[in-house]
Amino acid sequence: MHIDGLTTIVGVFGAPIMHTASPAMHNAAFEALGMNWVYLAFHVDPQHLRTALQGAREMGLVGLNLTVPHKILALDCLDEIDPEARKVGAVNTIVIEKDKTRGFNTDGSGFLKAVKEDFNLSIKGKRVLVLGAGGAGRGIAVKCALDGAAKVFVANRTLAKIEPIAREIASTKSEFQSLALTVDAIQKVIHEVDLVVNATSVGLKEGDSLGLGAELFSPRQHVYDTIYRPAETQLLQVAESAGAKVANGLSMLLHQGARAFEIWTKRKAPLAVMRRALRAAIYGDKS
């Protein structure tokens, strides 16, 4: 990879622990389209986010991605926020144009494309349970409501973090219910649910468990885990053993990244190239 004064730079601002999948995906796309662009990863502490964004503007970067915990913090640091990102309450994609920063959220649209691809499932009229109310959980829950879900449940350990999501969903036609992220609370509603989404970090480490047993799931349900490494979390193993259809977060990572690519470049993302690069970076799959 050659970087000179004419190279267009896109970056990702992330917490100290961050995977390298996004750079691999985007740089493969730039190379495939013959673009002299590069995507670089930067570790940025949350307290330095505003300064880092100003630095990116002054350095001439054309865009950025943000990982947790920056997605929510960025709302107060940007010049403009796309209306959907404002509704979601989180930003994961930034464009820098004419010395202005504008924030977008591609998590929600990436998620909808992922469940369509993995499950051939449309959210319209479905009942969705989202576990977790962080940046990704907020984006998924609000986007499901905007896309016509019949009802959205959000479970979180801290109920106060669900309140902003409830306010946004109240302006849609979807029903909404908040609940504690406990087995007792979840088992009371899970029989109503068509799709369960894990948007927490539980499952990243070996042995991590939400405590949900196979008896809670059924073959008519779909279970999506936004975690993509490991490829099969304990949640997916349990749900699959009960006959539920399961998928991990690789497809969401792909589609939210492809949408970000199109926002920055105004060009159609080469999905097949990006998918291959992701699988090679995350799973070592060279096929």
C-alpha atoms as a PDB file:
ATOM      1  CA  MET A   1       0.000   0.000   0.000  1.00  0.00           C
ATOM      2  CA  HIS A   2       1.552   3.297  -1.105  1.00  0.00           C
ATOM      3  CA  ILE A   3       0.581   6.518   0.656  1.00  0.00           C
ATOM      4  CA  ASP A   4       1.700   9.868  -0.697  1.00  0.00           C
ATOM      5  CA  GLY A   5       0.492  13.455  -0.640  1.00  0.00           C
ATOM      6  CA  LEU A   6      -2.207  12.662  -3.196  1.00  0.00           C
ATOM      7  CA  THR A   7      -3.709   9.712  -1.335  1.00  0.00           C
ATOM      8  CA  THR A   8      -7.254  10.238  -0.050  1.00  0.00           C
ATOM      9  CA  ILE A   9      -7.503   9.070   3.553  1.00  0.00           C
ATOM     10  CA  VAL A  10     -10.481   7.605   5.379  1.00  0.00           C
ATOM     11  CA  GLY A  11     -10.147   6.503   8.992  1.00  0.00           C
ATOM     12  CA  VAL A  12     -11.798   4.693  11.857  1.00  0.00           C
ATOM     13  CA  PHE A  13     -11.619   6.127  15.364  1.00  0.00           C
ATOM     14  CA  GLY A  14     -11.906   3.329  17.876  1.00  0.00           C
ATOM     15  CA  ALA A  15     -11.331   2.338  21.456  1.00  0.00           C
ATOM     16  CA  PRO A  16      -7.964   0.835  22.447  1.00  0.00           C
ATOM     17  CA  ILE A  17      -9.134  -2.685  21.536  1.00  0.00           C
ATOM     18  CA  MET A  18     -10.245  -2.775  17.915  1.00  0.00           C
ATOM     19  CA  HIS A  19     -10.297  -5.404  15.205  1.00  0.00           C
ATOM     20  CA  THR A  20      -8.665  -4.780  11.815  1.00  0.00           C
ATOM     21  CA  ALA A  21     -11.536  -6.100   9.730  1.00  0.00           C
ATOM     22  CA  SER A  22     -12.820  -2.706   8.548  1.00  0.00           C
ATOM     23  CA  PRO A  23      -9.477  -1.533   7.103  1.00  0.00           C
ATOM     24  CA  ALA A  24      -9.116  -4.836   5.246  1.00  0.00           C
ATOM     25  CA  MET A  25     -12.615  -4.557   3.795  1.00  0.00           C
ATOM     26  CA  HIS A  26     -12.348  -0.946   2.658  1.00  0.00           C
ATOM     27  CA  ASN A  27      -8.798  -1.113   1.360  1.00  0.00           C
ATOM     28  CA  ALA A  28      -9.711  -4.154  -0.737  1.00  0.00           C
ATOM     29  CA  ALA A  29     -12.628  -2.173  -2.178  1.00  0.00           C
ATOM     30  CA  PHE A  30     -10.425   0.832  -3.009  1.00  0.00           C
ATOM     31  CA  GLU A  31      -7.879  -1.411  -4.713  1.00  0.00           C
ATOM     32  CA  ALA A  32     -10.550  -3.236  -6.709  1.00  0.00           C
ATOM     33  CA  LEU A  33     -11.899   0.055  -8.056  1.00  0.00           C
ATOM     34  CA  GLY A  34      -8.443   1.492  -8.760  1.00  0.00           C
ATOM     35  CA  MET A  35      -8.896   4.308  -6.236  1.00  0.00           C
ATOM     36  CA  ASN A  36      -5.883   5.981  -4.602  1.00  0.00           C
ATOM     37  CA  TRP A  37      -7.612   5.907  -1.220  1.00  0.00           C
ATOM     38  CA  VAL A  38      -6.561   4.322   2.055  1.00  0.00           C
ATOM     39  CA  TYR A  39      -8.471   3.405   5.233  1.00  0.00           C
ATOM     40  CA  LEU A  40      -6.481   3.634   8.464  1.00  0.00           C
ATOM     41  CA  ALA A  41      -7.292   2.732  12.075  1.00  0.00           C
ATOM     42  CA  PHE A  42      -6.639   5.166  14.930  1.00  0.00           C
ATOM     43  CA  HIS A  43      -7.010   4.476  18.652  1.00  0.00           C
ATOM     44  CA  VAL A  44      -8.730   7.491  20.201  1.00  0.00           C
ATOM     45  CA  ASP A  45      -9.621   7.807  23.875  1.00  0.00           C
ATOM     46  CA  PRO A  46     -13.180   9.085  24.380  1.00  0.00           C
ATOM     47  CA  GLN A  47     -12.043  12.274  26.123  1.00  0.00           C
ATOM     48  CA  HIS A  48      -9.982  13.190  23.062  1.00  0.00           C
ATOM     49  CA  LEU A  49     -12.677  12.569  20.442  1.00  0.00           C
ATOM     50  CA  ARG A  50     -13.465  16.241  19.755  1.00  0.00           C
ATOM     51  CA  THR A  51      -9.769  17.071  19.348  1.00  0.00           C
ATOM     52  CA  ALA A  52      -9.247  14.048  17.101  1.00  0.00           C
ATOM     53  CA  LEU A  53     -12.168  15.064  14.871  1.00  0.00           C
ATOM     54  CA  GLN A  54     -10.715  18.556  14.524  1.00  0.00           C
ATOM     55  CA  GLY A  55      -7.368  16.998  13.662  1.00  0.00           C
ATOM     56  CA  ALA A  56      -8.975  14.797  11.001  1.00  0.00           C
ATOM     57  CA  ARG A  57     -10.552  17.884   9.437  1.00  0.00           C
ATOM     58  CA  GLU A  58      -7.260  19.768   9.421  1.00  0.00           C
ATOM     59  CA  MET A  59      -5.387  16.774   7.995  1.00  0.00           C
ATOM     60  CA  GLY A  60      -7.774  16.597   5.065  1.00  0.00           C
ATOM     61  CA  LEU A  61      -9.388  13.213   5.776  1.00  0.00           C
ATOM     62  CA  VAL A  62     -12.564  12.748   3.731  1.00  0.00           C
ATOM     63  CA  GLY A  63     -14.381  10.542   6.199  1.00  0.00           C
ATOM     64  CA  LEU A  64     -14.399   8.408   9.292  1.00  0.00           C
ATOM     65  CA  ASN A  65     -16.016   5.455  10.982  1.00  0.00           C
ATOM     66  CA  LEU A  66     -16.538   5.381  14.737  1.00  0.00           C
ATOM     67  CA  THR A  67     -16.655   2.408  17.073  1.00  0.00           C
ATOM     68  CA  VAL A  68     -18.069   2.183  20.598  1.00  0.00           C
ATOM     69  CA  PRO A  69     -17.985   4.341  22.714  1.00  0.00           C
ATOM     70  CA  HIS A  70     -17.590   7.170  20.201  1.00  0.00           C
ATOM     71  CA  LYS A  71     -20.884   6.612  18.359  1.00  0.00           C
ATOM     72  CA  ILE A  72     -22.983   8.468  20.926  1.00  0.00           C
ATOM     73  CA  LEU A  73     -20.334  10.970  22.046  1.00  0.00           C
ATOM     74  CA  ALA A  74     -19.946  12.216  18.457  1.00  0.00           C
ATOM     75  CA  LEU A  75     -23.462  13.666  18.403  1.00  0.00           C
ATOM     76  CA  ASP A  76     -22.197  16.722  20.290  1.00  0.00           C
ATOM     77  CA  CYS A  77     -19.016  17.089  18.228  1.00  0.00           C
ATOM     78  CA  LEU A  78     -20.256  17.381  14.629  1.00  0.00           C
ATOM     79  CA  ASP A  79     -21.483  20.283  12.497  1.00  0.00           C
ATOM     80  CA  GLU A  80     -24.449  18.393  11.028  1.00  0.00           C
ATOM     81  CA  ILE A  81     -26.284  15.156  11.810  1.00  0.00           C
ATOM     82  CA  ASP A  82     -28.281  13.207   9.253  1.00  0.00           C
ATOM     83  CA  PRO A  83     -31.962  13.019  10.367  1.00  0.00           C
ATOM     84  CA  GLU A  84     -31.923   9.232  10.723  1.00  0.00           C
ATOM     85  CA  ALA A  85     -28.721   9.297  12.772  1.00  0.00           C
ATOM     86  CA  ARG A  86     -30.347  11.917  14.992  1.00  0.00           C
ATOM     87  CA  LYS A  87     -33.350   9.650  15.504  1.00  0.00           C
ATOM     88  CA  VAL A  88     -31.139   6.681  16.223  1.00  0.00           C
ATOM     89  CA  GLY A  89     -29.048   8.728  18.638  1.00  0.00           C
ATOM     90  CA  ALA A  90     -25.698   7.433  17.376  1.00  0.00           C
ATOM     91  CA  VAL A  91     -23.207   8.134  14.585  1.00  0.00           C
ATOM     92  CA  ASN A  92     -20.901   5.558  13.057  1.00  0.00           C
ATOM     93  CA  THR A  93     -19.989   7.265   9.768  1.00  0.00           C
ATOM     94  CA  ILE A  94     -18.697  10.803   9.205  1.00  0.00           C
ATOM     95  CA  VAL A  95     -18.139  12.741   5.996  1.00  0.00           C
ATOM     96  CA  ILE A  96     -15.804  15.750   6.000  1.00  0.00           C
ATOM     97  CA  GLU A  97     -16.679  18.138   3.172  1.00  0.00           C
ATOM     98  CA  LYS A  98     -15.924  21.846   2.761  1.00  0.00           C
ATOM     99  CA  ASP A  99     -14.442  21.937   6.264  1.00  0.00           C
ATOM    100  CA  LYS A 100     -17.710  20.605   7.771  1.00  0.00           C
ATOM    101  CA  THR A 101     -18.378  17.301   9.486  1.00  0.00           C
ATOM    102  CA  ARG A 102     -21.648  15.446   8.904  1.00  0.00           C
ATOM    103  CA  GLY A 103     -22.638  12.318  10.779  1.00  0.00           C
ATOM    104  CA  PHE A 104     -24.602   9.313   9.525  1.00  0.00           C
ATOM    105  CA  ASN A 105     -25.651   5.969  10.972  1.00  0.00           C
ATOM    106  CA  THR A 106     -25.314   2.926   8.718  1.00  0.00           C
ATOM    107  CA  ASP A 107     -25.779   0.306  11.459  1.00  0.00           C
ATOM    108  CA  GLY A 108     -29.548   0.159  11.069  1.00  0.00           C
ATOM    109  CA  SER A 109     -29.600  -0.139   7.288  1.00  0.00           C
ATOM    110  CA  GLY A 110     -26.711  -2.614   7.437  1.00  0.00           C
ATOM    111  CA  PHE A 111     -28.647  -4.735   9.905  1.00  0.00           C
ATOM    112  CA  LEU A 112     -31.806  -4.819   7.762  1.00  0.00           C
ATOM    113  CA  LYS A 113     -29.810  -5.907   4.722  1.00  0.00           C
ATOM    114  CA  ALA A 114     -28.069  -8.535   6.834  1.00  0.00           C
ATOM    115  CA  VAL A 115     -31.267 -10.201   8.080  1.00  0.00           C
ATOM    116  CA  LYS A 116     -32.693 -10.073   4.575  1.00  0.00           C
ATOM    117  CA  GLU A 117     -29.564 -11.777   3.248  1.00  0.00           C
ATOM    118  CA  ASP A 118     -29.160 -14.323   6.043  1.00  0.00           C
ATOM    119  CA  PHE A 119     -32.805 -15.127   6.785  1.00  0.00           C
ATOM    120  CA  ASN A 120     -34.725 -13.729   3.783  1.00  0.00           C
ATOM    121  CA  LEU A 121     -36.606 -11.852   6.483  1.00  0.00           C
ATOM    122  CA  SER A 122     -38.439  -8.539   6.192  1.00  0.00           C
ATOM    123  CA  ILE A 123     -38.818  -6.635   9.455  1.00  0.00           C
ATOM    124  CA  LYS A 124     -42.225  -5.228   8.536  1.00  0.00           C
ATOM    125  CA  GLY A 125     -44.893  -6.675  10.815  1.00  0.00           C
ATOM    126  CA  LYS A 126     -42.370  -8.639  12.902  1.00  0.00           C
ATOM    127  CA  ARG A 127     -41.755  -8.590  16.648  1.00  0.00           C
ATOM    128  CA  VAL A 128     -38.121  -7.926  17.472  1.00  0.00           C
ATOM    129  CA  LEU A 129     -36.252  -8.303  20.757  1.00  0.00           C
ATOM    130  CA  VAL A 130     -33.001  -6.326  20.922  1.00  0.00           C
ATOM    131  CA  LEU A 131     -30.604  -7.201  23.736  1.00  0.00           C
ATOM    132  CA  GLY A 132     -28.537  -4.132  24.576  1.00  0.00           C
ATOM    133  CA  ALA A 133     -29.170  -0.389  24.323  1.00  0.00           C
ATOM    134  CA  GLY A 134     -25.720   0.827  23.286  1.00  0.00           C
ATOM    135  CA  GLY A 135     -24.829   2.388  19.928  1.00  0.00           C
ATOM    136  CA  ALA A 136     -25.553  -0.699  17.818  1.00  0.00           C
ATOM    137  CA  GLY A 137     -28.638  -1.672  19.826  1.00  0.00           C
ATOM    138  CA  ARG A 138     -30.091   1.821  19.494  1.00  0.00           C
ATOM    139  CA  GLY A 139     -29.502   1.831  15.760  1.00  0.00           C
ATOM    140  CA  ILE A 140     -31.079  -1.576  15.252  1.00  0.00           C
ATOM    141  CA  ALA A 141     -34.107  -0.974  17.480  1.00  0.00           C
ATOM    142  CA  VAL A 142     -35.015   2.412  16.001  1.00  0.00           C
ATOM    143  CA  LYS A 143     -34.408   1.271  12.422  1.00  0.00           C
ATOM    144  CA  CYS A 144     -36.677  -1.758  12.963  1.00  0.00           C
ATOM    145  CA  ALA A 145     -39.444   0.572  14.164  1.00  0.00           C
ATOM    146  CA  LEU A 146     -38.923   2.950  11.243  1.00  0.00           C
ATOM    147  CA  ASP A 147     -39.102  -0.025   8.877  1.00  0.00           C
ATOM    148  CA  GLY A 148     -42.477  -1.165  10.193  1.00  0.00           C
ATOM    149  CA  ALA A 149     -41.823  -3.699  12.952  1.00  0.00           C
ATOM    150  CA  ALA A 150     -45.057  -4.544  14.773  1.00  0.00           C
ATOM    151  CA  LYS A 151     -43.350  -4.367  18.156  1.00  0.00           C
ATOM    152  CA  VAL A 152     -39.842  -3.701  19.414  1.00  0.00           C
ATOM    153  CA  PHE A 153     -38.617  -4.950  22.782  1.00  0.00           C
ATOM    154  CA  VAL A 154     -35.324  -3.626  24.158  1.00  0.00           C
ATOM    155  CA  ALA A 155     -33.617  -5.282  27.121  1.00  0.00           C
ATOM    156  CA  ASN A 156     -30.748  -3.658  28.955  1.00  0.00           C
ATOM    157  CA  ARG A 157     -29.134  -3.964  32.359  1.00  0.00           C
ATOM    158  CA  THR A 158     -29.577  -0.218  32.955  1.00  0.00           C
ATOM    159  CA  LEU A 159     -33.187   0.670  32.129  1.00  0.00           C
ATOM    160  CA  ALA A 160     -32.441   4.407  31.966  1.00  0.00           C
ATOM    161  CA  LYS A 161     -30.376   3.809  28.812  1.00  0.00           C
ATOM    162  CA  ILE A 162     -33.490   2.536  27.045  1.00  0.00           C
ATOM    163  CA  GLU A 163     -35.413   5.796  27.532  1.00  0.00           C
ATOM    164  CA  PRO A 164     -33.964   7.638  24.468  1.00  0.00           C
ATOM    165  CA  ILE A 165     -34.870   4.641  22.297  1.00  0.00           C
ATOM    166  CA  ALA A 166     -38.408   4.596  23.692  1.00  0.00           C
ATOM    167  CA  ARG A 167     -38.854   8.289  22.864  1.00  0.00           C
ATOM    168  CA  GLU A 168     -37.833   7.811  19.237  1.00  0.00           C
ATOM    169  CA  ILE A 169     -39.937   4.688  18.725  1.00  0.00           C
ATOM    170  CA  ALA A 170     -42.942   6.495  20.240  1.00  0.00           C
ATOM    171  CA  SER A 171     -43.068   8.620  17.077  1.00  0.00           C
ATOM    172  CA  THR A 172     -43.443   5.497  14.881  1.00  0.00           C
ATOM    173  CA  LYS A 173     -46.322   3.052  14.496  1.00  0.00           C
ATOM    174  CA  SER A 174     -44.455   0.267  16.307  1.00  0.00           C
ATOM    175  CA  GLU A 175     -45.369  -0.836  19.805  1.00  0.00           C
ATOM    176  CA  PHE A 176     -42.523  -0.667  22.300  1.00  0.00           C
ATOM    177  CA  GLN A 177     -41.610  -2.401  25.529  1.00  0.00           C
ATOM    178  CA  SER A 178     -38.519  -2.071  27.685  1.00  0.00           C
ATOM    179  CA  LEU A 179     -37.324  -4.778  30.031  1.00  0.00           C
ATOM    180  CA  ALA A 180     -34.405  -5.715  32.213  1.00  0.00           C
ATOM    181  CA  LEU A 181     -31.679  -7.830  30.649  1.00  0.00           C
ATOM    182  CA  THR A 182     -32.387 -10.835  32.871  1.00  0.00           C
ATOM    183  CA  VAL A 183     -33.491 -14.374  32.099  1.00  0.00           C
ATOM    184  CA  ASP A 184     -36.689 -13.906  34.111  1.00  0.00           C
ATOM    185  CA  ALA A 185     -37.732 -10.801  32.206  1.00  0.00           C
ATOM    186  CA  ILE A 186     -36.824 -12.192  28.793  1.00  0.00           C
ATOM    187  CA  GLN A 187     -38.610 -15.517  29.245  1.00  0.00           C
ATOM    188  CA  LYS A 188     -41.885 -13.651  29.828  1.00  0.00           C
ATOM    189  CA  VAL A 189     -41.855 -12.105  26.337  1.00  0.00           C
ATOM    190  CA  ILE A 190     -39.600 -14.217  24.119  1.00  0.00           C
ATOM    191  CA  HIS A 191     -42.442 -16.509  23.024  1.00  0.00           C
ATOM    192  CA  GLU A 192     -43.953 -13.465  21.219  1.00  0.00           C
ATOM    193  CA  VAL A 193     -40.773 -12.675  19.312  1.00  0.00           C
ATOM    194  CA  ASP A 194     -39.901 -13.462  15.677  1.00  0.00           C
ATOM    195  CA  LEU A 195     -36.332 -12.156  15.816  1.00  0.00           C
ATOM    196  CA  VAL A 196     -33.864 -11.939  18.713  1.00  0.00           C
ATOM    197  CA  VAL A 197     -30.816  -9.696  18.275  1.00  0.00           C
ATOM    198  CA  ASN A 198     -27.816  -9.672  20.581  1.00  0.00           C
ATOM    199  CA  ALA A 199     -26.302  -6.183  20.487  1.00  0.00           C
ATOM    200  CA  THR A 200     -24.349  -6.587  23.725  1.00  0.00           C
ATOM    201  CA  SER A 201     -20.688  -7.573  24.063  1.00  0.00           C
ATOM    202  CA  VAL A 202     -21.639 -10.814  25.818  1.00  0.00           C
ATOM    203  CA  GLY A 203     -20.179 -13.601  23.721  1.00  0.00           C
ATOM    204  CA  LEU A 204     -16.909 -11.943  22.764  1.00  0.00           C
ATOM    205  CA  LYS A 205     -15.014 -13.954  25.367  1.00  0.00           C
ATOM    206  CA  GLU A 206     -15.029 -17.726  25.665  1.00  0.00           C
ATOM    207  CA  GLY A 207     -17.537 -18.791  28.273  1.00  0.00           C
ATOM    208  CA  ASP A 208     -19.582 -15.588  28.038  1.00  0.00           C
ATOM    209  CA  SER A 209     -23.281 -16.354  28.398  1.00  0.00           C
ATOM    210  CA  LEU A 210     -26.521 -14.398  28.601  1.00  0.00           C
ATOM    211  CA  GLY A 211     -27.967 -17.333  30.511  1.00  0.00           C
ATOM    212  CA  LEU A 212     -30.705 -18.035  27.948  1.00  0.00           C
ATOM    213  CA  GLY A 213     -31.438 -21.737  27.648  1.00  0.00           C
ATOM    214  CA  ALA A 214     -32.550 -23.705  24.594  1.00  0.00           C
ATOM    215  CA  GLU A 215     -36.065 -24.042  26.045  1.00  0.00           C
ATOM    216  CA  LEU A 216     -36.642 -20.328  25.346  1.00  0.00           C
ATOM    217  CA  PHE A 217     -36.191 -20.698  21.579  1.00  0.00           C
ATOM    218  CA  SER A 218     -38.206 -22.406  18.859  1.00  0.00           C
ATOM    219  CA  PRO A 219     -37.778 -23.353  15.175  1.00  0.00           C
ATOM    220  CA  ARG A 220     -39.980 -20.443  14.061  1.00  0.00           C
ATOM    221  CA  GLN A 221     -37.546 -17.887  15.489  1.00  0.00           C
ATOM    222  CA  HIS A 222     -34.514 -16.142  14.038  1.00  0.00           C
ATOM    223  CA  VAL A 223     -31.533 -15.247  16.241  1.00  0.00           C
ATOM    224  CA  TYR A 224     -28.913 -12.744  15.084  1.00  0.00           C
ATOM    225  CA  ASP A 225     -25.749 -11.991  17.057  1.00  0.00           C
ATOM    226  CA  THR A 226     -23.925  -8.788  16.088  1.00  0.00           C
ATOM    227  CA  ILE A 227     -20.711 -10.422  17.315  1.00  0.00           C
ATOM    228  CA  TYR A 228     -18.773 -11.994  14.439  1.00  0.00           C
ATOM    229  CA  ARG A 229     -15.683 -13.248  16.276  1.00  0.00           C
ATOM    230  CA  PRO A 230     -16.065 -15.941  17.487  1.00  0.00           C
ATOM    231  CA  ALA A 231     -18.143 -17.075  14.515  1.00  0.00           C
ATOM    232  CA  GLU A 232     -20.580 -18.912  16.766  1.00  0.00           C
ATOM    233  CA  THR A 233     -21.307 -17.481  20.190  1.00  0.00           C
ATOM    234  CA  GLN A 234     -22.856 -19.434  23.028  1.00  0.00           C
ATOM    235  CA  LEU A 235     -26.189 -17.728  22.262  1.00  0.00           C
ATOM    236  CA  LEU A 236     -26.153 -18.948  18.664  1.00  0.00           C
ATOM    237  CA  GLN A 237     -25.191 -22.475  19.719  1.00  0.00           C
ATOM    238  CA  VAL A 238     -28.087 -22.661  22.163  1.00  0.00           C
ATOM    239  CA  ALA A 239     -30.640 -21.162  19.762  1.00  0.00           C
ATOM    240  CA  GLU A 240     -29.537 -23.431  16.917  1.00  0.00           C
ATOM    241  CA  SER A 241     -29.853 -26.486  19.139  1.00  0.00           C
ATOM    242  CA  ALA A 242     -33.522 -25.544  19.578  1.00  0.00           C
ATOM    243  CA  GLY A 243     -34.009 -25.365  15.812  1.00  0.00           C
ATOM    244  CA  ALA A 244     -33.946 -21.564  15.464  1.00  0.00           C
ATOM    245  CA  LYS A 245     -32.318 -20.023  12.392  1.00  0.00           C
ATOM    246  CA  VAL A 246     -29.101 -18.252  13.405  1.00  0.00           C
ATOM    247  CA  ALA A 247     -26.533 -15.865  11.925  1.00  0.00           C
ATOM    248  CA  ASN A 248     -23.591 -13.860  13.225  1.00  0.00           C
ATOM    249  CA  GLY A 249     -22.643 -10.211  12.690  1.00  0.00           C
ATOM    250  CA  LEU A 250     -20.373 -10.574   9.675  1.00  0.00           C
ATOM    251  CA  SER A 251     -23.168  -9.662   7.271  1.00  0.00           C
ATOM    252  CA  MET A 252     -24.079  -6.542   9.258  1.00  0.00           C
ATOM    253  CA  LEU A 253     -20.424  -5.476   9.351  1.00  0.00           C
ATOM    254  CA  LEU A 254     -20.279  -5.934   5.582  1.00  0.00           C
ATOM    255  CA  HIS A 255     -23.441  -4.035   4.730  1.00  0.00           C
ATOM    256  CA  GLN A 256     -22.955  -1.135   7.136  1.00  0.00           C
ATOM    257  CA  GLY A 257     -19.425  -0.802   5.756  1.00  0.00           C
ATOM    258  CA  ALA A 258     -20.632  -0.908   2.170  1.00  0.00           C
ATOM    259  CA  ARG A 259     -23.124   1.885   2.883  1.00  0.00           C
ATOM    260  CA  ALA A 260     -20.372   3.976   4.496  1.00  0.00           C
ATOM    261  CA  PHE A 261     -18.160   3.349   1.453  1.00  0.00           C
ATOM    262  CA  GLU A 262     -20.916   4.672  -0.814  1.00  0.00           C
ATOM    263  CA  ILE A 263     -21.472   7.751   1.348  1.00  0.00           C
ATOM    264  CA  TRP A 264     -17.776   8.664   1.191  1.00  0.00           C
ATOM    265  CA  THR A 265     -17.036   7.805  -2.427  1.00  0.00           C
ATOM    266  CA  LYS A 266     -20.416   8.281  -4.194  1.00  0.00           C
ATOM    267  CA  ARG A 267     -19.656   4.951  -5.906  1.00  0.00           C
ATOM    268  CA  LYS A 268     -21.292   1.531  -5.652  1.00  0.00           C
ATOM    269  CA  ALA A 269     -19.514  -0.696  -3.161  1.00  0.00           C
ATOM    270  CA  PRO A 270     -17.948  -3.914  -4.551  1.00  0.00           C
ATOM    271  CA  LEU A 271     -19.721  -6.250  -2.121  1.00  0.00           C
ATOM    272  CA  ALA A 272     -18.122  -9.503  -3.246  1.00  0.00           C
ATOM    273  CA  VAL A 273     -14.611  -8.051  -2.861  1.00  0.00           C
ATOM    274  CA  MET A 274     -15.421  -6.623   0.571  1.00  0.00           C
ATOM    275  CA  ARG A 275     -16.957  -9.896   1.751  1.00  0.00           C
ATOM    276  CA  ARG A 276     -13.880 -11.899   0.734  1.00  0.00           C
ATOM    277  CA  ALA A 277     -11.580  -9.418   2.474  1.00  0.00           C
ATOM    278  CA  LEU A 278     -13.651  -9.590   5.659  1.00  0.00           C
ATOM    279  CA  ARG A 279     -13.655 -13.372   5.772  1.00  0.00           C
ATOM    280  CA  ALA A 280      -9.890 -13.458   5.177  1.00  0.00           C
ATOM    281  CA  ALA A 281      -9.218 -10.856   7.896  1.00  0.00           C
ATOM    282  CA  ILE A 282     -11.528 -12.378  10.505  1.00  0.00           C
ATOM    283  CA  TYR A 283     -11.521 -16.114   9.831  1.00  0.00           C
ATOM    284  CA  GLY A 284      -8.427 -16.583   7.684  1.00  0.00           C
ATOM    285  CA  ASP A 285     -10.635 -17.774   4.850  1.00  0.00           C
ATOM    286  CA  LYS A 286      -8.696 -17.241   1.614  1.00  0.00           C
ATOM    287  CA  SER A 287     -11.350 -18.717  -0.703  1.00  0.00           C
END
